[in-house]
Amino acid sequence: MIFDVMTLFPEMIEDYCNYSIMKRAVDNDVFVVNTVNPRDFTLDKHKKVDDTPYGGGAGMVLMAQPYVDAFESIKKCEKSVTIMLSPQGVPLNDDIVNELSNYNQIILMCGHYEGFDERIREIIKPREISLGDFVLTGGELPALCLIDAVSRKIEGTLGKIESADEDSFSNGLIEYPHYTKPRDYRGYKVPEVLLNGNHKEINEFRLQQSIERTKAKRPDLYKKWVKSN
């Protein structure tokens, strides 16, 4: 998997991928993260990539030329998808993450200021994805969230790929509670069923916990799960 990130702040992407699980996966060639800075493609001698909007209004708009040229400079793989991180996009969820994990290349476009010149959308025709119904100052955080989520689905990122299979939302439910040593902490004890070694009973307990948690915390997901089962 190759992630190509178009960003005005490549250090934000590179720094995050230099820690913990992400760094280990990158170092082991599980996936590659490249950054492309549209400032390197601007024709303006001051490296300007934004300008005032036609028709007036507050804020600055990202110019088409640097972004289109930056995009066209990226070598495309056979199975590639381009995503614009935008509050206008479809909210990211586990189904989309699973779908994206099947691509060979994901190109991510990070916006800033008042957003993109509309001609960037018209020329590049990216998919638009959002983290939710709120606005951030830039697209780097959503891009990192997407990279992190998708990378977990790629064999070799986690110690065991089964860890991703048991995450919240993977089966339509919120994940069950976890416990580790000590068995008794301030009077709060690990449930006995997790200590008896009976894997059938443990699985049944965990499923029931997932169902109860989903019903209490995310009734919308619980109703959807009930209908599908």
C-alpha atoms as a PDB file:
ATOM      1  CA  MET A   1       0.000   0.000   0.000  1.00  0.00           C
ATOM      2  CA  ILE A   2       1.201   3.497  -0.865  1.00  0.00           C
ATOM      3  CA  PHE A   3      -0.213   6.605   0.775  1.00  0.00           C
ATOM      4  CA  ASP A   4       0.585   9.805  -1.132  1.00  0.00           C
ATOM      5  CA  VAL A   5      -0.412  12.857   0.889  1.00  0.00           C
ATOM      6  CA  MET A   6      -0.761  16.278  -0.742  1.00  0.00           C
ATOM      7  CA  THR A   7      -0.152  18.716   2.094  1.00  0.00           C
ATOM      8  CA  LEU A   8       1.265  22.159   2.813  1.00  0.00           C
ATOM      9  CA  PHE A   9       2.633  20.765   6.080  1.00  0.00           C
ATOM     10  CA  PRO A  10       4.455  17.489   5.270  1.00  0.00           C
ATOM     11  CA  GLU A  11       6.144  17.440   8.683  1.00  0.00           C
ATOM     12  CA  MET A  12       2.770  16.834  10.356  1.00  0.00           C
ATOM     13  CA  ILE A  13       2.302  13.633   8.351  1.00  0.00           C
ATOM     14  CA  GLU A  14       5.906  12.474   8.554  1.00  0.00           C
ATOM     15  CA  ASP A  15       6.229  13.070  12.298  1.00  0.00           C
ATOM     16  CA  TYR A  16       3.123  11.055  13.142  1.00  0.00           C
ATOM     17  CA  CYS A  17       4.306   8.132  11.030  1.00  0.00           C
ATOM     18  CA  ASN A  18       7.615   8.158  12.913  1.00  0.00           C
ATOM     19  CA  TYR A  19       6.207   6.676  16.109  1.00  0.00           C
ATOM     20  CA  SER A  20       4.955   3.408  17.561  1.00  0.00           C
ATOM     21  CA  ILE A  21       3.033   0.947  15.384  1.00  0.00           C
ATOM     22  CA  MET A  22       3.076   3.230  12.352  1.00  0.00           C
ATOM     23  CA  LYS A  23       6.870   3.570  12.392  1.00  0.00           C
ATOM     24  CA  ARG A  24       7.346  -0.175  12.758  1.00  0.00           C
ATOM     25  CA  ALA A  25       5.055  -0.843   9.812  1.00  0.00           C
ATOM     26  CA  VAL A  26       6.788   1.754   7.629  1.00  0.00           C
ATOM     27  CA  ASP A  27      10.235   0.456   8.612  1.00  0.00           C
ATOM     28  CA  ASN A  28       9.122  -3.073   7.712  1.00  0.00           C
ATOM     29  CA  ASP A  29       7.794  -1.945   4.313  1.00  0.00           C
ATOM     30  CA  VAL A  30       4.219  -2.902   5.171  1.00  0.00           C
ATOM     31  CA  PHE A  31       3.156   0.368   3.563  1.00  0.00           C
ATOM     32  CA  VAL A  32       4.765   3.583   2.298  1.00  0.00           C
ATOM     33  CA  VAL A  33       3.831   7.160   3.185  1.00  0.00           C
ATOM     34  CA  ASN A  34       4.932   9.903   0.773  1.00  0.00           C
ATOM     35  CA  THR A  35       4.223  13.623   1.016  1.00  0.00           C
ATOM     36  CA  VAL A  36       3.827  16.069  -1.855  1.00  0.00           C
ATOM     37  CA  ASN A  37       3.808  19.800  -1.119  1.00  0.00           C
ATOM     38  CA  PRO A  38       1.777  21.915  -3.578  1.00  0.00           C
ATOM     39  CA  ARG A  39       4.056  24.860  -2.745  1.00  0.00           C
ATOM     40  CA  ASP A  40       6.752  23.104  -4.754  1.00  0.00           C
ATOM     41  CA  PHE A  41       4.550  23.415  -7.835  1.00  0.00           C
ATOM     42  CA  THR A  42       3.352  27.001  -7.597  1.00  0.00           C
ATOM     43  CA  LEU A  43       4.386  29.419 -10.340  1.00  0.00           C
ATOM     44  CA  ASP A  44       4.441  32.278  -7.836  1.00  0.00           C
ATOM     45  CA  LYS A  45       7.947  33.357  -6.774  1.00  0.00           C
ATOM     46  CA  HIS A  46       6.739  33.731  -3.176  1.00  0.00           C
ATOM     47  CA  LYS A  47       5.452  30.128  -3.145  1.00  0.00           C
ATOM     48  CA  LYS A  48       1.884  31.372  -2.771  1.00  0.00           C
ATOM     49  CA  VAL A  49      -0.831  28.713  -3.077  1.00  0.00           C
ATOM     50  CA  ASP A  50      -3.921  30.690  -2.036  1.00  0.00           C
ATOM     51  CA  ASP A  51      -5.768  33.844  -3.052  1.00  0.00           C
ATOM     52  CA  THR A  52      -8.919  35.842  -2.322  1.00  0.00           C
ATOM     53  CA  PRO A  53     -12.222  34.398  -3.575  1.00  0.00           C
ATOM     54  CA  TYR A  54     -13.992  35.815  -6.613  1.00  0.00           C
ATOM     55  CA  GLY A  55     -17.281  37.368  -5.536  1.00  0.00           C
ATOM     56  CA  GLY A  56     -15.859  38.428  -2.193  1.00  0.00           C
ATOM     57  CA  GLY A  57     -16.053  36.817   1.202  1.00  0.00           C
ATOM     58  CA  ALA A  58     -13.832  36.044   4.168  1.00  0.00           C
ATOM     59  CA  GLY A  59     -10.744  33.878   4.027  1.00  0.00           C
ATOM     60  CA  MET A  60      -8.484  32.584   1.289  1.00  0.00           C
ATOM     61  CA  VAL A  61      -9.033  29.853  -1.292  1.00  0.00           C
ATOM     62  CA  LEU A  62      -6.478  27.275  -2.412  1.00  0.00           C
ATOM     63  CA  MET A  63      -5.531  27.846  -6.041  1.00  0.00           C
ATOM     64  CA  ALA A  64      -6.147  25.236  -8.714  1.00  0.00           C
ATOM     65  CA  GLN A  65      -2.786  25.312 -10.513  1.00  0.00           C
ATOM     66  CA  PRO A  66      -0.452  24.204  -7.663  1.00  0.00           C
ATOM     67  CA  TYR A  67      -2.803  21.434  -6.550  1.00  0.00           C
ATOM     68  CA  VAL A  68      -3.574  20.068 -10.008  1.00  0.00           C
ATOM     69  CA  ASP A  69       0.104  20.109 -10.961  1.00  0.00           C
ATOM     70  CA  ALA A  70       1.066  18.441  -7.672  1.00  0.00           C
ATOM     71  CA  PHE A  71      -1.542  15.750  -8.241  1.00  0.00           C
ATOM     72  CA  GLU A  72      -0.405  15.109 -11.790  1.00  0.00           C
ATOM     73  CA  SER A  73       3.193  14.716 -10.585  1.00  0.00           C
ATOM     74  CA  ILE A  74       2.254  11.660  -8.502  1.00  0.00           C
ATOM     75  CA  LYS A  75       2.887   8.335 -10.203  1.00  0.00           C
ATOM     76  CA  LYS A  76      -0.376   6.408 -10.127  1.00  0.00           C
ATOM     77  CA  CYS A  77      -0.604   2.698  -9.364  1.00  0.00           C
ATOM     78  CA  GLU A  78      -2.936   0.337 -11.195  1.00  0.00           C
ATOM     79  CA  LYS A  79      -5.466   0.276  -8.350  1.00  0.00           C
ATOM     80  CA  SER A  80      -5.453   3.829  -7.033  1.00  0.00           C
ATOM     81  CA  VAL A  81      -8.046   6.089  -5.413  1.00  0.00           C
ATOM     82  CA  THR A  82      -7.868   9.830  -4.738  1.00  0.00           C
ATOM     83  CA  ILE A  83      -9.567  11.247  -1.666  1.00  0.00           C
ATOM     84  CA  MET A  84     -10.209  14.854  -0.750  1.00  0.00           C
ATOM     85  CA  LEU A  85     -10.551  15.339   3.008  1.00  0.00           C
ATOM     86  CA  SER A  86     -13.518  17.667   3.262  1.00  0.00           C
ATOM     87  CA  PRO A  87     -16.451  18.390   5.612  1.00  0.00           C
ATOM     88  CA  GLN A  88     -18.612  18.010   2.502  1.00  0.00           C
ATOM     89  CA  GLY A  89     -17.615  14.366   2.196  1.00  0.00           C
ATOM     90  CA  VAL A  90     -19.198  11.095   3.259  1.00  0.00           C
ATOM     91  CA  PRO A  91     -18.470  10.354   6.952  1.00  0.00           C
ATOM     92  CA  LEU A  92     -15.674   7.824   7.366  1.00  0.00           C
ATOM     93  CA  ASN A  93     -16.729   4.476   8.812  1.00  0.00           C
ATOM     94  CA  ASP A  94     -15.408   0.928   9.087  1.00  0.00           C
ATOM     95  CA  ASP A  95     -17.032  -0.206   5.844  1.00  0.00           C
ATOM     96  CA  ILE A  96     -15.201   2.533   3.922  1.00  0.00           C
ATOM     97  CA  VAL A  97     -11.951   1.723   5.731  1.00  0.00           C
ATOM     98  CA  ASN A  98     -12.269  -1.944   4.732  1.00  0.00           C
ATOM     99  CA  GLU A  99     -12.952  -0.970   1.133  1.00  0.00           C
ATOM    100  CA  LEU A 100      -9.977   1.396   0.977  1.00  0.00           C
ATOM    101  CA  SER A 101      -7.632  -1.244   2.402  1.00  0.00           C
ATOM    102  CA  ASN A 102      -8.040  -3.181  -0.862  1.00  0.00           C
ATOM    103  CA  TYR A 103      -6.427  -0.453  -2.959  1.00  0.00           C
ATOM    104  CA  ASN A 104      -2.742  -0.380  -3.858  1.00  0.00           C
ATOM    105  CA  GLN A 105      -2.513   3.400  -3.554  1.00  0.00           C
ATOM    106  CA  ILE A 106      -4.470   6.107  -1.745  1.00  0.00           C
ATOM    107  CA  ILE A 107      -3.816   9.729  -2.690  1.00  0.00           C
ATOM    108  CA  LEU A 108      -4.987  12.136   0.014  1.00  0.00           C
ATOM    109  CA  MET A 109      -5.661  15.831  -0.564  1.00  0.00           C
ATOM    110  CA  CYS A 110      -5.409  18.032   2.535  1.00  0.00           C
ATOM    111  CA  GLY A 111      -7.162  21.384   2.376  1.00  0.00           C
ATOM    112  CA  HIS A 112      -6.740  24.592   4.365  1.00  0.00           C
ATOM    113  CA  TYR A 113      -8.272  28.043   4.782  1.00  0.00           C
ATOM    114  CA  GLU A 114     -11.692  28.367   3.077  1.00  0.00           C
ATOM    115  CA  GLY A 115     -11.098  25.275   1.003  1.00  0.00           C
ATOM    116  CA  PHE A 116     -10.298  24.338  -2.597  1.00  0.00           C
ATOM    117  CA  ASP A 117     -10.909  26.209  -5.819  1.00  0.00           C
ATOM    118  CA  GLU A 118     -13.865  24.272  -7.238  1.00  0.00           C
ATOM    119  CA  ARG A 119     -11.931  23.513 -10.408  1.00  0.00           C
ATOM    120  CA  ILE A 120      -9.674  21.208  -8.415  1.00  0.00           C
ATOM    121  CA  ARG A 121     -12.702  19.003  -7.795  1.00  0.00           C
ATOM    122  CA  GLU A 122     -13.821  19.263 -11.419  1.00  0.00           C
ATOM    123  CA  ILE A 123     -10.430  18.301 -12.857  1.00  0.00           C
ATOM    124  CA  ILE A 124      -9.235  15.662 -10.375  1.00  0.00           C
ATOM    125  CA  LYS A 125     -12.672  14.257  -9.481  1.00  0.00           C
ATOM    126  CA  PRO A 126     -11.676  12.885  -6.050  1.00  0.00           C
ATOM    127  CA  ARG A 127     -13.876  11.013  -3.617  1.00  0.00           C
ATOM    128  CA  GLU A 128     -14.691  13.243  -0.665  1.00  0.00           C
ATOM    129  CA  ILE A 129     -14.498  11.879   2.873  1.00  0.00           C
ATOM    130  CA  SER A 130     -15.167  13.616   6.187  1.00  0.00           C
ATOM    131  CA  LEU A 131     -14.477  12.717   9.805  1.00  0.00           C
ATOM    132  CA  GLY A 132     -17.865  14.092  10.812  1.00  0.00           C
ATOM    133  CA  ASP A 133     -20.099  17.135  10.900  1.00  0.00           C
ATOM    134  CA  PHE A 134     -17.525  19.611  12.133  1.00  0.00           C
ATOM    135  CA  VAL A 135     -14.769  21.725  10.578  1.00  0.00           C
ATOM    136  CA  LEU A 136     -11.021  21.568  11.261  1.00  0.00           C
ATOM    137  CA  THR A 137      -8.327  24.053  10.298  1.00  0.00           C
ATOM    138  CA  GLY A 138      -6.765  21.619   7.852  1.00  0.00           C
ATOM    139  CA  GLY A 139      -6.962  18.187   6.284  1.00  0.00           C
ATOM    140  CA  GLU A 140      -3.850  16.713   7.880  1.00  0.00           C
ATOM    141  CA  LEU A 141      -5.590  15.293  10.962  1.00  0.00           C
ATOM    142  CA  PRO A 142      -8.335  13.609   8.890  1.00  0.00           C
ATOM    143  CA  ALA A 143      -5.663  12.254   6.519  1.00  0.00           C
ATOM    144  CA  LEU A 144      -3.720  10.780   9.433  1.00  0.00           C
ATOM    145  CA  CYS A 145      -6.889   9.256  10.877  1.00  0.00           C
ATOM    146  CA  LEU A 146      -7.614   7.615   7.547  1.00  0.00           C
ATOM    147  CA  ILE A 147      -4.038   6.349   7.138  1.00  0.00           C
ATOM    148  CA  ASP A 148      -4.060   4.971  10.676  1.00  0.00           C
ATOM    149  CA  ALA A 149      -7.437   3.261  10.273  1.00  0.00           C
ATOM    150  CA  VAL A 150      -6.660   1.737   6.870  1.00  0.00           C
ATOM    151  CA  SER A 151      -3.170   0.619   7.884  1.00  0.00           C
ATOM    152  CA  ARG A 152      -4.647  -1.490  10.704  1.00  0.00           C
ATOM    153  CA  LYS A 153      -6.401  -3.587   8.064  1.00  0.00           C
ATOM    154  CA  ILE A 154      -3.160  -4.328   6.224  1.00  0.00           C
ATOM    155  CA  GLU A 155      -1.402  -7.576   7.079  1.00  0.00           C
ATOM    156  CA  GLY A 156       1.798  -6.829   8.990  1.00  0.00           C
ATOM    157  CA  THR A 157       0.838  -3.546  10.647  1.00  0.00           C
ATOM    158  CA  LEU A 158      -0.455  -5.098  13.845  1.00  0.00           C
ATOM    159  CA  GLY A 159       1.151  -7.987  15.683  1.00  0.00           C
ATOM    160  CA  LYS A 160      -1.892 -10.071  14.790  1.00  0.00           C
ATOM    161  CA  ILE A 161      -4.362  -9.111  12.054  1.00  0.00           C
ATOM    162  CA  GLU A 162      -7.055 -10.663  14.261  1.00  0.00           C
ATOM    163  CA  SER A 163      -6.704  -7.587  16.491  1.00  0.00           C
ATOM    164  CA  ALA A 164      -8.296  -5.525  13.735  1.00  0.00           C
ATOM    165  CA  ASP A 165     -10.972  -8.166  13.153  1.00  0.00           C
ATOM    166  CA  GLU A 166     -12.101  -7.790  16.772  1.00  0.00           C
ATOM    167  CA  ASP A 167     -12.094  -3.977  16.886  1.00  0.00           C
ATOM    168  CA  SER A 168     -15.233  -1.977  17.525  1.00  0.00           C
ATOM    169  CA  PHE A 169     -17.516  -1.808  14.447  1.00  0.00           C
ATOM    170  CA  SER A 170     -15.840  -4.775  12.723  1.00  0.00           C
ATOM    171  CA  ASN A 171     -18.942  -6.898  13.390  1.00  0.00           C
ATOM    172  CA  GLY A 172     -21.375  -4.003  13.755  1.00  0.00           C
ATOM    173  CA  LEU A 173     -20.950  -3.822  17.523  1.00  0.00           C
ATOM    174  CA  ILE A 174     -18.828  -1.889  19.995  1.00  0.00           C
ATOM    175  CA  GLU A 175     -15.900  -3.928  21.307  1.00  0.00           C
ATOM    176  CA  TYR A 176     -16.180  -5.870  24.566  1.00  0.00           C
ATOM    177  CA  PRO A 177     -14.272  -4.757  27.729  1.00  0.00           C
ATOM    178  CA  HIS A 178     -10.660  -5.824  28.274  1.00  0.00           C
ATOM    179  CA  TYR A 179      -8.813  -6.676  31.491  1.00  0.00           C
ATOM    180  CA  THR A 180      -5.205  -7.378  32.476  1.00  0.00           C
ATOM    181  CA  LYS A 181      -3.203  -7.905  35.700  1.00  0.00           C
ATOM    182  CA  PRO A 182      -3.840  -7.630  38.603  1.00  0.00           C
ATOM    183  CA  ARG A 183      -7.004  -9.699  38.986  1.00  0.00           C
ATOM    184  CA  ASP A 184      -8.229  -7.446  41.796  1.00  0.00           C
ATOM    185  CA  TYR A 185      -7.636  -3.689  41.718  1.00  0.00           C
ATOM    186  CA  ARG A 186      -9.255  -1.548  44.427  1.00  0.00           C
ATOM    187  CA  GLY A 187     -12.002  -4.120  44.775  1.00  0.00           C
ATOM    188  CA  TYR A 188     -12.723  -4.209  41.033  1.00  0.00           C
ATOM    189  CA  LYS A 189     -12.215  -7.809  39.940  1.00  0.00           C
ATOM    190  CA  VAL A 190     -11.694  -9.429  36.568  1.00  0.00           C
ATOM    191  CA  PRO A 191     -14.821 -11.444  35.641  1.00  0.00           C
ATOM    192  CA  GLU A 192     -14.340 -15.092  36.554  1.00  0.00           C
ATOM    193  CA  VAL A 193     -15.358 -16.315  33.121  1.00  0.00           C
ATOM    194  CA  LEU A 194     -12.170 -14.811  31.667  1.00  0.00           C
ATOM    195  CA  LEU A 195     -10.032 -16.859  34.051  1.00  0.00           C
ATOM    196  CA  ASN A 196     -11.411 -20.362  33.506  1.00  0.00           C
ATOM    197  CA  GLY A 197      -9.795 -21.077  30.115  1.00  0.00           C
ATOM    198  CA  ASN A 198     -13.100 -22.103  28.511  1.00  0.00           C
ATOM    199  CA  HIS A 199     -12.880 -20.309  25.173  1.00  0.00           C
ATOM    200  CA  LYS A 200     -16.484 -20.997  24.215  1.00  0.00           C
ATOM    201  CA  GLU A 201     -17.736 -19.372  27.409  1.00  0.00           C
ATOM    202  CA  ILE A 202     -15.279 -16.497  27.002  1.00  0.00           C
ATOM    203  CA  ASN A 203     -16.465 -15.819  23.447  1.00  0.00           C
ATOM    204  CA  GLU A 204     -20.107 -15.936  24.537  1.00  0.00           C
ATOM    205  CA  PHE A 205     -19.369 -13.539  27.409  1.00  0.00           C
ATOM    206  CA  ARG A 206     -17.547 -11.104  25.153  1.00  0.00           C
ATOM    207  CA  LEU A 207     -20.300 -11.148  22.556  1.00  0.00           C
ATOM    208  CA  GLN A 208     -22.934 -10.467  25.210  1.00  0.00           C
ATOM    209  CA  GLN A 209     -20.840  -7.609  26.586  1.00  0.00           C
ATOM    210  CA  SER A 210     -20.514  -6.152  23.095  1.00  0.00           C
ATOM    211  CA  ILE A 211     -24.259  -6.348  22.567  1.00  0.00           C
ATOM    212  CA  GLU A 212     -25.034  -4.715  25.919  1.00  0.00           C
ATOM    213  CA  ARG A 213     -22.482  -1.953  25.428  1.00  0.00           C
ATOM    214  CA  THR A 214     -23.702  -1.187  21.935  1.00  0.00           C
ATOM    215  CA  LYS A 215     -27.314  -1.084  23.082  1.00  0.00           C
ATOM    216  CA  ALA A 216     -26.436   1.336  25.905  1.00  0.00           C
ATOM    217  CA  LYS A 217     -23.887   3.565  24.178  1.00  0.00           C
ATOM    218  CA  ARG A 218     -24.835   3.417  20.492  1.00  0.00           C
ATOM    219  CA  PRO A 219     -28.517   2.503  20.145  1.00  0.00           C
ATOM    220  CA  ASP A 220     -28.340   3.484  16.482  1.00  0.00           C
ATOM    221  CA  LEU A 221     -25.734   0.795  15.829  1.00  0.00           C
ATOM    222  CA  TYR A 222     -27.622  -1.704  17.982  1.00  0.00           C
ATOM    223  CA  LYS A 223     -30.817  -1.281  15.953  1.00  0.00           C
ATOM    224  CA  LYS A 224     -28.845  -1.724  12.745  1.00  0.00           C
ATOM    225  CA  TRP A 225     -27.163  -4.865  14.141  1.00  0.00           C
ATOM    226  CA  VAL A 226     -30.492  -6.374  15.258  1.00  0.00           C
ATOM    227  CA  LYS A 227     -31.943  -5.879  11.766  1.00  0.00           C
ATOM    228  CA  SER A 228     -28.929  -7.546  10.137  1.00  0.00           C
ATOM    229  CA  ASN A 229     -29.123 -10.529  12.469  1.00  0.00           C
END
